[in-house]
């Protein structure tokens, strides 16, 4: 896995605003998945609802390069901790990968 985290500092306010927007999109079903994300989820036996729950229960969203966000601290429906990399798009979220 390649670490795509930005070296630039980020504030907790920015992270909080980003996390709130991502949670809102997840709550309202505004999520699309890349083929890569669906493949990685299938490898891990993770369903779309698990990803939605992981975003809804996340504790942090860390801005990344190229407009991506690393969403951490959330769990799937079975309680497994999941991290999600996604991008905000006009229609809500585009999930890039799940791990």
Protein backbone atom coordinates (compact mmCIF):
# COMPACT_ATOMS: atom_id res chain seq x y z
CA UNK A 1 0.00 0.00 0.00
CA UNK A 2 1.28 3.46 -0.85
CA UNK A 3 0.96 6.16 1.78
CA UNK A 4 -0.69 9.13 0.10
CA UNK A 5 -0.93 11.36 3.14
CA UNK A 6 -0.04 14.96 2.63
CA UNK A 7 2.88 16.41 4.56
CA UNK A 8 0.99 19.66 4.96
CA UNK A 9 -0.48 20.37 8.41
CA UNK A 10 -4.22 20.09 8.83
CA UNK A 11 -6.47 21.50 11.50
CA UNK A 12 -9.01 19.58 13.52
CA UNK A 13 -11.67 22.04 12.30
CA UNK A 14 -10.97 21.17 8.67
CA UNK A 15 -11.04 17.46 9.55
CA UNK A 16 -14.28 17.90 11.49
CA UNK A 17 -15.97 19.72 8.61
CA UNK A 18 -14.76 17.10 6.14
CA UNK A 19 -15.90 14.24 8.37
CA UNK A 20 -19.34 15.84 8.80
CA UNK A 21 -19.77 16.15 5.01
CA UNK A 22 -18.67 12.56 4.42
CA UNK A 23 -21.00 11.24 7.14
CA UNK A 24 -23.89 13.23 5.68
CA UNK A 25 -23.29 11.75 2.23
CA UNK A 26 -23.08 8.22 3.66
CA UNK A 27 -26.25 8.70 5.71
CA UNK A 28 -28.14 9.78 2.59
CA UNK A 29 -26.81 6.93 0.43
CA UNK A 30 -24.77 9.26 -1.76
CA UNK A 31 -21.94 6.76 -2.28
CA UNK A 32 -20.46 5.31 -5.45
CA UNK A 33 -17.70 2.68 -5.49
CA UNK A 34 -14.73 2.29 -7.81
CA UNK A 35 -14.11 -1.15 -9.27
CA UNK A 36 -10.95 -1.29 -7.20
CA UNK A 37 -12.90 -0.55 -4.00
CA UNK A 38 -15.46 -3.24 -4.80
CA UNK A 39 -12.67 -5.73 -5.48
CA UNK A 40 -10.86 -4.92 -2.25
CA UNK A 41 -14.11 -5.09 -0.30
CA UNK A 42 -14.92 -8.50 -1.80
CA UNK A 43 -11.42 -9.77 -0.89
CA UNK A 44 -12.11 -8.75 2.71
CA UNK A 45 -15.74 -9.96 2.73
CA UNK A 46 -16.89 -6.38 3.31
CA UNK A 47 -20.31 -5.32 2.00
CA UNK A 48 -21.36 -1.86 0.82
CA UNK A 49 -23.41 -1.43 4.00
CA UNK A 50 -20.24 -2.10 6.04
CA UNK A 51 -18.48 0.73 4.21
CA UNK A 52 -21.45 3.03 4.75
CA UNK A 53 -21.44 2.17 8.47
CA UNK A 54 -17.66 2.64 8.68
CA UNK A 55 -18.01 6.18 7.33
CA UNK A 56 -21.03 6.89 9.56
CA UNK A 57 -19.13 5.77 12.69
CA UNK A 58 -15.72 7.20 11.72
CA UNK A 59 -13.80 9.34 14.17
CA UNK A 60 -11.53 11.16 11.72
CA UNK A 61 -11.21 12.18 8.08
CA UNK A 62 -7.71 13.15 7.06
CA UNK A 63 -7.28 15.17 3.86
CA UNK A 64 -4.97 13.50 1.34
CA UNK A 65 -3.38 14.44 -1.96
CA UNK A 66 -5.51 14.71 -5.09
CA UNK A 67 -8.66 15.59 -3.10
CA UNK A 68 -8.83 12.22 -1.37
CA UNK A 69 -9.78 11.69 2.27
CA UNK A 70 -8.65 8.87 4.56
CA UNK A 71 -11.61 8.02 6.81
CA UNK A 72 -10.59 6.17 9.98
CA UNK A 73 -11.96 4.90 13.27
CA UNK A 74 -15.23 3.52 11.90
CA UNK A 75 -16.52 -0.03 11.92
CA UNK A 76 -18.45 -2.33 9.64
CA UNK A 77 -21.76 -3.77 10.78
CA UNK A 78 -19.91 -6.68 12.43
CA UNK A 79 -17.71 -4.33 14.47
CA UNK A 80 -14.59 -4.80 12.34
CA UNK A 81 -12.54 -1.60 12.13
CA UNK A 82 -12.40 -0.36 8.53
CA UNK A 83 -10.56 2.51 6.88
CA UNK A 84 -11.88 4.04 3.68
CA UNK A 85 -10.24 6.26 1.10
CA UNK A 86 -12.77 8.35 -0.78
CA UNK A 87 -13.17 11.51 -2.81
CA UNK A 88 -15.95 14.05 -2.45
CA UNK A 89 -17.83 14.49 -5.72
CA UNK A 90 -20.83 16.59 -6.60
CA UNK A 91 -23.17 13.63 -6.05
CA UNK A 92 -21.66 12.71 -2.64
CA UNK A 93 -18.78 10.25 -2.19
CA UNK A 94 -16.69 8.13 -4.51
CA UNK A 95 -15.02 5.30 -2.57
CA UNK A 96 -11.54 4.57 -3.90
CA UNK A 97 -10.53 1.70 -1.60
CA UNK A 98 -11.36 -0.07 1.66
CA UNK A 99 -8.95 -1.65 4.11
